[in-house]
Amino acid sequence: MKVIAIIGCGRIARNAHLPALSQLDDVRIKYGCDIIEEKAKKLQEDFPKIENVITDYNVALADPEIDAVWVLTPNFAHYTVTMDALRAGKHVLCEKPITVNYALSKEMKQMADKMGKMLNIGVCNRHHASVEKLYEMNKNGEFGNIYHIYCSFRSCRSIPGLGGDFTTKAVSGGGALIDWGVHFLDLILYVLGGAKLKTVTCDTYCEMAKDMASYKYKGMWAEDTKNLNGTNDVDDFVTGYVRTDKASISINGAWAQNLDKGEMFVDFLGDKKGARLAYQGKIEVFDGETLETTAPEYDIPNQYLEENKAFLESIDTGVKTRGNIDNVLESALLLDLLYQSADAHKEIVVE
């Protein structure tokens, strides 16, 4: 039986991790913590497996019963809460992104190593059945040489929580790239299997809601956090090109664009086969020999359940899983370099 604490009782806790953890009989959720007590109490009402509500996470960190904590706070707080938890001798599952920059991400890894604790990152797509299938296909040589990957994560007029935490760089660390793009980039690097970065080029734009009061939208995720007197200083569109030692990668992403289309997919182009992943869906495979497209049939278990189970098992076995920070740092580096390139308006060469 693992005894755990949830730190941060917002959307990712409610929509992803609590439904998964509630299914596990060998887990006690001793604490649900949020600086907004009402939010934690509402989560406890909906997920009665939470035994106690607290507003100071240090209460949980001081409790010798607690084996592990889930850090589900806004991005800017990942570093502080995770470092405190590791110092307190707790294992940690921290939501993506690791934190707001690569340097701090490395410090988190170093602290996990120093304390001998597991630190996993919430890169849920590594536990999605479609991504696992692509990983195995590449590992088995079915694609031949994957020479290029193209990903698109674009939506029409759907900036989340305009003016609030999502669009405030000091809190989130960025916009569409750090929010959506990190998922796509991480699953690409995972499928490639240890690709090392060579060059990175990127441009970002904040164009669609420069005047927040006049911004019109088709939909708004986290609309309850909207604050039109707040801040919007993050990217709503990103485009980039990456060279690695295994394949080149091109990306186009938009929280908002003046095209009434949503495109969420990744294309893997190999010299034997190619595949398109419908994000959070299934894959289609084109065979260069038969010239036929097939859609494999398979089940898609809940990726958050699989992610949480893998983390808990790693605590017992001591074996670092695909979500361990050691295996995610290259994604954090890529994210950082893309923003560096956009800020400097030049290509970054990785030494």
Protein backbone atom coordinates (compact mmCIF):
# COMPACT_ATOMS: atom_id res chain seq x y z
CA MET A 1 0.00 0.00 0.00
CA LYS A 2 1.41 3.37 -1.08
CA VAL A 3 0.42 6.49 0.85
CA ILE A 4 0.46 9.61 -1.30
CA ALA A 5 -0.36 13.31 -1.40
CA ILE A 6 -1.82 15.34 -4.25
CA ILE A 7 -0.38 18.87 -4.43
CA GLY A 8 -2.48 21.02 -6.71
CA CYS A 9 -6.20 20.27 -7.07
CA GLY A 10 -6.94 21.86 -10.44
CA ARG A 11 -7.94 20.51 -13.83
CA ILE A 12 -5.17 17.98 -14.38
CA ALA A 13 -5.84 16.50 -10.95
CA ARG A 14 -9.59 16.36 -11.51
CA ASN A 15 -9.65 15.25 -15.14
CA ALA A 16 -6.65 12.92 -15.31
CA HIS A 17 -4.89 11.74 -12.18
CA LEU A 18 -7.70 11.42 -9.61
CA PRO A 19 -9.92 9.27 -11.86
CA ALA A 20 -6.91 7.00 -12.44
CA LEU A 21 -5.72 6.86 -8.83
CA SER A 22 -9.24 6.20 -7.60
CA GLN A 23 -9.15 2.90 -9.47
CA LEU A 24 -6.07 1.64 -7.62
CA ASP A 25 -6.80 -0.37 -4.48
CA ASP A 26 -3.19 -0.29 -3.27
CA VAL A 27 -3.07 3.52 -2.96
CA ARG A 28 -4.14 5.72 -0.06
CA ILE A 29 -4.55 9.40 -0.92
CA LYS A 30 -3.90 10.86 2.52
CA TYR A 31 -3.83 14.53 1.45
CA GLY A 32 -5.27 16.76 -1.20
CA CYS A 33 -3.50 20.12 -1.06
CA ASP A 34 -4.27 23.42 -2.71
CA ILE A 35 -3.67 27.01 -1.64
CA ILE A 36 -7.36 27.55 -2.45
CA GLU A 37 -8.99 25.41 0.22
CA GLU A 38 -12.39 25.38 -1.49
CA LYS A 39 -10.85 23.82 -4.58
CA ALA A 40 -9.32 21.00 -2.55
CA LYS A 41 -12.57 20.44 -0.64
CA LYS A 42 -14.55 20.21 -3.89
CA LEU A 43 -12.06 17.67 -5.23
CA GLN A 44 -12.44 15.65 -2.03
CA GLU A 45 -16.23 15.71 -2.43
CA ASP A 46 -15.93 14.32 -5.93
CA PHE A 47 -13.12 11.90 -5.09
CA PRO A 48 -13.72 10.70 -1.51
CA LYS A 49 -10.55 8.62 -1.61
CA ILE A 50 -8.84 11.88 -0.53
CA GLU A 51 -8.70 11.58 3.26
CA ASN A 52 -7.62 15.08 4.32
CA VAL A 53 -7.63 18.58 2.81
CA ILE A 54 -4.69 20.91 3.53
CA THR A 55 -3.48 24.25 2.16
CA ASP A 56 0.23 23.91 3.11
CA TYR A 57 2.03 21.13 1.26
CA ASN A 58 4.73 21.06 3.92
CA VAL A 59 2.25 19.26 6.18
CA ALA A 60 2.31 16.33 3.76
CA LEU A 61 6.08 16.50 3.28
CA ALA A 62 6.59 16.30 7.06
CA ASP A 63 4.38 13.21 7.35
CA PRO A 64 6.55 10.06 7.52
CA GLU A 65 3.65 7.99 6.18
CA ILE A 66 3.78 9.72 2.80
CA ASP A 67 5.71 7.70 0.20
CA ALA A 68 5.16 9.90 -2.83
CA VAL A 69 3.60 13.16 -3.95
CA TRP A 70 1.93 14.22 -7.19
CA VAL A 71 2.94 17.78 -8.17
CA LEU A 72 0.00 19.08 -10.21
CA THR A 73 0.49 22.80 -9.71
CA PRO A 74 0.90 25.56 -12.34
CA ASN A 75 4.17 25.26 -14.26
CA PHE A 76 6.13 27.89 -12.36
CA ALA A 77 5.66 26.01 -9.06
CA HIS A 78 6.85 22.62 -10.31
CA TYR A 79 10.47 23.34 -9.43
CA THR A 80 9.98 24.56 -5.86
CA VAL A 81 7.42 21.96 -4.80
CA THR A 82 9.30 19.07 -6.41
CA MET A 83 12.64 20.09 -4.91
CA ASP A 84 11.06 20.42 -1.47
CA ALA A 85 9.42 17.00 -1.82
CA LEU A 86 12.64 15.32 -2.92
CA ARG A 87 14.56 16.91 -0.04
CA ALA A 88 11.89 15.55 2.30
CA GLY A 89 12.62 12.05 0.99
CA LYS A 90 9.50 11.61 -1.13
CA HIS A 91 9.19 10.11 -4.59
CA VAL A 92 7.59 12.55 -7.04
CA LEU A 93 5.39 12.45 -10.11
CA CYS A 94 5.48 15.98 -11.53
CA GLU A 95 3.20 17.04 -14.35
CA LYS A 96 4.66 18.27 -17.63
CA PRO A 97 6.50 20.44 -18.44
CA ILE A 98 9.25 19.51 -15.98
CA THR A 99 9.50 23.21 -15.18
CA VAL A 100 9.87 26.51 -17.02
CA ASN A 101 13.44 26.00 -18.30
CA TYR A 102 16.09 23.37 -18.89
CA ALA A 103 18.58 24.55 -16.27
CA LEU A 104 16.05 24.12 -13.46
CA SER A 105 14.96 20.79 -14.94
CA LYS A 106 18.53 19.50 -14.62
CA GLU A 107 18.62 20.62 -10.99
CA MET A 108 15.48 18.58 -10.34
CA LYS A 109 17.15 15.50 -11.83
CA GLN A 110 20.27 16.07 -9.77
CA MET A 111 18.24 16.32 -6.57
CA ALA A 112 16.37 13.10 -7.39
CA ASP A 113 19.72 11.36 -7.93
CA LYS A 114 21.16 12.79 -4.73
CA MET A 115 18.19 11.67 -2.64
CA GLY A 116 17.86 8.32 -4.41
CA LYS A 117 14.20 8.96 -5.25
CA MET A 118 12.10 8.37 -8.32
CA LEU A 119 11.13 11.53 -10.20
CA ASN A 120 8.72 10.88 -13.04
CA ILE A 121 7.27 13.51 -15.37
CA GLY A 122 3.69 13.48 -16.63
CA VAL A 123 4.49 12.70 -20.26
CA CYS A 124 1.29 10.71 -20.59
CA ASN A 125 1.63 10.06 -24.32
CA ARG A 126 4.49 7.65 -23.65
CA HIS A 127 1.81 5.42 -22.15
CA HIS A 128 -0.69 5.81 -25.01
CA ALA A 129 -1.19 2.57 -26.94
CA SER A 130 -0.75 4.26 -30.34
CA VAL A 131 2.57 5.82 -29.33
CA GLU A 132 3.72 2.50 -27.89
CA LYS A 133 2.85 0.84 -31.21
CA LEU A 134 4.85 3.44 -33.18
CA TYR A 135 7.79 2.98 -30.81
CA GLU A 136 7.76 -0.78 -31.34
CA MET A 137 7.41 -0.42 -35.12
CA ASN A 138 10.48 1.81 -35.23
CA LYS A 139 12.42 -0.41 -32.83
CA ASN A 140 11.65 -3.44 -35.04
CA GLY A 141 12.76 -1.62 -38.21
CA GLU A 142 9.35 -1.60 -39.85
CA PHE A 143 9.69 2.01 -41.02
CA GLY A 144 13.18 1.43 -42.40
CA ASN A 145 14.90 4.77 -41.91
CA ILE A 146 12.65 7.44 -40.41
CA TYR A 147 14.06 10.52 -42.08
CA HIS A 148 11.45 13.18 -41.26
CA ILE A 149 8.59 13.78 -38.85
CA TYR A 150 5.95 16.48 -39.24
CA CYS A 151 3.59 17.46 -36.46
CA SER A 152 0.64 19.82 -36.39
CA PHE A 153 -1.19 20.96 -33.26
CA ARG A 154 -3.45 23.75 -34.51
CA SER A 155 -6.83 25.03 -33.47
CA CYS A 156 -9.11 27.91 -34.46
CA ARG A 157 -9.47 30.75 -31.95
CA SER A 158 -9.15 28.74 -28.73
CA ILE A 159 -6.63 30.52 -26.49
CA PRO A 160 -7.15 29.07 -22.99
CA GLY A 161 -8.01 31.29 -20.01
CA LEU A 162 -7.10 34.51 -21.80
CA GLY A 163 -5.39 36.97 -19.48
CA GLY A 164 -4.96 34.39 -16.71
CA ASP A 165 -2.25 31.89 -15.80
CA PHE A 166 -2.22 30.18 -19.21
CA THR A 167 -1.25 33.39 -21.02
CA THR A 168 1.07 34.83 -18.36
CA LYS A 169 4.64 33.81 -19.12
CA ALA A 170 5.83 34.30 -15.54
CA VAL A 171 3.41 31.59 -14.48
CA SER A 172 3.22 29.21 -17.45
CA GLY A 173 6.64 29.64 -19.04
CA GLY A 174 5.09 29.98 -22.50
CA GLY A 175 2.00 29.42 -24.60
CA ALA A 176 0.96 26.93 -27.26
CA LEU A 177 4.45 25.44 -27.50
CA ILE A 178 4.88 24.65 -23.80
CA ASP A 179 1.21 23.71 -23.33
CA TRP A 180 0.49 21.55 -26.38
CA GLY A 181 3.79 21.30 -28.20
CA VAL A 182 5.67 19.63 -25.38
CA HIS A 183 3.38 16.59 -25.68
CA PHE A 184 4.03 16.27 -29.41
CA LEU A 185 7.77 16.84 -29.17
CA ASP A 186 8.16 14.38 -26.33
CA LEU A 187 6.30 11.56 -28.04
CA ILE A 188 8.36 12.15 -31.20
CA LEU A 189 11.65 11.88 -29.33
CA TYR A 190 10.33 8.80 -27.52
CA VAL A 191 9.38 7.04 -30.77
CA LEU A 192 12.76 7.90 -32.30
CA GLY A 193 14.45 6.26 -29.33
CA GLY A 194 17.11 8.52 -27.89
CA ALA A 195 17.62 11.04 -30.69
CA LYS A 196 20.16 13.76 -29.95
CA LEU A 197 19.54 17.36 -31.00
CA LYS A 198 21.81 19.03 -33.58
CA THR A 199 20.15 22.31 -34.66
CA VAL A 200 16.94 24.10 -33.68
CA THR A 201 15.10 26.92 -35.48
CA CYS A 202 11.86 28.47 -34.27
CA ASP A 203 9.56 31.47 -34.58
CA THR A 204 6.75 32.26 -32.17
CA TYR A 205 3.94 34.77 -32.47
CA CYS A 206 1.46 36.45 -30.15
CA GLU A 207 -0.96 37.91 -32.67
CA MET A 208 -4.53 36.83 -32.15
CA ALA A 209 -5.42 38.56 -28.89
CA LYS A 210 -3.16 41.58 -28.72
CA ASP A 211 -6.31 43.47 -27.82
CA MET A 212 -7.88 41.07 -25.35
CA ALA A 213 -11.12 43.01 -25.01
CA SER A 214 -11.92 42.62 -28.71
CA TYR A 215 -10.76 39.00 -29.08
CA LYS A 216 -13.47 36.74 -30.49
CA TYR A 217 -13.22 33.00 -29.98
CA LYS A 218 -14.78 29.70 -30.99
CA GLY A 219 -13.97 28.08 -27.67
CA MET A 220 -11.92 28.78 -24.57
CA TRP A 221 -10.44 26.08 -22.39
CA ALA A 222 -10.25 27.23 -18.73
CA GLU A 223 -12.59 30.13 -19.45
CA ASP A 224 -13.32 30.43 -15.72
CA THR A 225 -9.74 31.76 -15.31
CA LYS A 226 -10.15 34.44 -18.00
CA ASN A 227 -9.08 37.95 -16.98
CA LEU A 228 -9.28 40.55 -19.72
CA ASN A 229 -7.44 42.98 -17.46
CA GLY A 230 -4.65 40.48 -17.03
CA THR A 231 -1.65 39.48 -19.17
CA ASN A 232 -1.19 37.89 -22.57
CA ASP A 233 2.53 37.67 -23.33
CA VAL A 234 2.90 34.10 -24.63
CA ASP A 235 2.92 32.42 -28.03
CA ASP A 236 -0.39 31.62 -29.70
CA PHE A 237 1.42 30.31 -32.81
CA VAL A 238 4.73 28.49 -33.24
CA THR A 239 6.63 27.08 -36.18
CA GLY A 240 9.96 25.33 -36.06
CA TYR A 241 12.47 23.00 -37.64
CA VAL A 242 14.73 20.61 -35.74
CA ARG A 243 17.63 18.44 -36.88
CA THR A 244 18.58 15.40 -34.81
CA ASP A 245 21.06 12.59 -35.35
CA LYS A 246 18.14 10.37 -36.41
CA ALA A 247 15.58 12.50 -38.27
CA SER A 248 14.51 16.05 -38.97
CA ILE A 249 11.33 17.39 -37.37
CA SER A 250 9.05 20.21 -38.49
CA ILE A 251 6.31 21.65 -36.29
CA ASN A 252 3.39 24.02 -36.66
CA GLY A 253 1.22 24.79 -33.66
CA ALA A 254 -1.54 27.25 -32.83
CA TRP A 255 -3.85 27.85 -29.94
CA ALA A 256 -5.61 30.22 -32.29
CA GLN A 257 -5.57 30.84 -36.03
CA ASN A 258 -7.89 32.41 -38.57
CA LEU A 259 -8.65 29.08 -40.19
CA ASP A 260 -11.68 27.15 -39.06
CA LYS A 261 -9.74 23.92 -38.80
CA GLY A 262 -8.29 21.85 -36.00
CA GLU A 263 -5.38 19.63 -36.92
CA MET A 264 -3.76 17.38 -34.33
CA PHE A 265 -1.54 14.76 -35.92
CA VAL A 266 2.01 13.51 -36.35
CA ASP A 267 3.40 12.04 -39.58
CA PHE A 268 6.34 9.63 -39.42
CA LEU A 269 8.03 9.28 -42.82
CA GLY A 270 10.24 6.24 -43.35
CA ASP A 271 11.80 4.82 -46.50
CA LYS A 272 9.82 1.57 -46.09
CA LYS A 273 6.63 2.68 -44.37
CA GLY A 274 4.99 5.84 -43.13
CA ALA A 275 2.39 6.41 -40.45
CA ARG A 276 0.04 9.13 -39.34
CA LEU A 277 -0.87 9.35 -35.66
CA ALA A 278 -4.17 11.08 -34.95
CA TYR A 279 -3.28 12.72 -31.65
CA GLN A 280 -4.91 10.81 -28.77
CA GLY A 281 -6.32 8.45 -31.38
CA LYS A 282 -5.11 5.62 -33.59
CA ILE A 283 -2.59 5.26 -36.39
CA GLU A 284 -2.77 4.62 -40.12
CA VAL A 285 0.19 2.93 -41.81
CA PHE A 286 1.15 3.21 -45.48
CA ASP A 287 3.32 0.38 -46.86
CA GLY A 288 5.74 1.38 -49.59
CA GLU A 289 5.82 -2.18 -51.00
CA THR A 290 2.09 -2.95 -51.21
CA LEU A 291 1.06 0.69 -51.65
CA GLU A 292 -1.77 0.05 -49.22
CA THR A 293 -2.92 1.93 -46.14
CA THR A 294 -3.98 -0.09 -43.13
CA ALA A 295 -5.53 0.91 -39.81
CA PRO A 296 -4.41 -1.58 -37.14
CA GLU A 297 -7.03 -2.62 -34.58
CA TYR A 298 -6.07 -2.39 -30.92
CA ASP A 299 -7.42 -1.26 -27.60
CA ILE A 300 -6.38 2.05 -26.02
CA PRO A 301 -6.24 1.74 -22.21
CA ASN A 302 -6.40 4.89 -20.10
CA GLN A 303 -2.96 6.47 -20.48
CA TYR A 304 -3.10 8.21 -17.10
CA LEU A 305 -3.90 4.95 -15.35
CA GLU A 306 -0.96 3.28 -17.09
CA GLU A 307 1.31 6.23 -16.27
CA ASN A 308 0.41 6.20 -12.58
CA LYS A 309 0.73 2.43 -12.30
CA ALA A 310 4.16 2.53 -13.93
CA PHE A 311 5.37 5.21 -11.50
CA LEU A 312 4.14 3.31 -8.46
CA GLU A 313 5.74 0.09 -9.69
CA SER A 314 9.04 1.88 -10.26
CA ILE A 315 9.11 2.90 -6.60
CA ASP A 316 9.00 -0.80 -5.66
CA THR A 317 11.39 -2.08 -8.32
CA GLY A 318 13.87 0.80 -8.44
CA VAL A 319 13.78 0.57 -12.25
CA LYS A 320 13.44 3.92 -14.02
CA THR A 321 10.57 3.86 -16.49
CA ARG A 322 9.98 5.72 -19.77
CA GLY A 323 8.51 8.63 -17.78
CA ASN A 324 11.52 9.07 -15.51
CA ILE A 325 13.16 12.48 -15.71
CA ASP A 326 16.32 10.84 -17.06
CA ASN A 327 14.39 9.93 -20.19
CA VAL A 328 12.55 13.25 -20.56
CA LEU A 329 15.37 15.79 -20.24
CA GLU A 330 16.04 15.85 -24.00
CA SER A 331 12.43 17.00 -24.52
CA ALA A 332 12.95 19.77 -21.95
CA LEU A 333 16.14 20.81 -23.72
CA LEU A 334 14.35 20.94 -27.08
CA LEU A 335 11.55 23.06 -25.63
CA ASP A 336 14.08 25.48 -24.15
CA LEU A 337 16.09 25.71 -27.38
CA LEU A 338 12.98 26.41 -29.46
CA TYR A 339 12.13 29.38 -27.26
CA GLN A 340 15.77 30.53 -27.29
CA SER A 341 15.79 30.44 -31.09
CA ALA A 342 12.54 32.39 -31.29
CA ASP A 343 13.79 35.03 -28.87
CA ALA A 344 17.14 35.40 -30.68
CA HIS A 345 15.63 35.14 -34.21
CA LYS A 346 18.37 32.70 -35.25
CA GLU A 347 19.16 29.02 -35.48
CA ILE A 348 20.64 27.39 -32.39
CA VAL A 349 23.44 24.87 -32.90
CA VAL A 350 23.56 22.26 -30.14
CA GLU A 351 27.13 21.54 -29.10
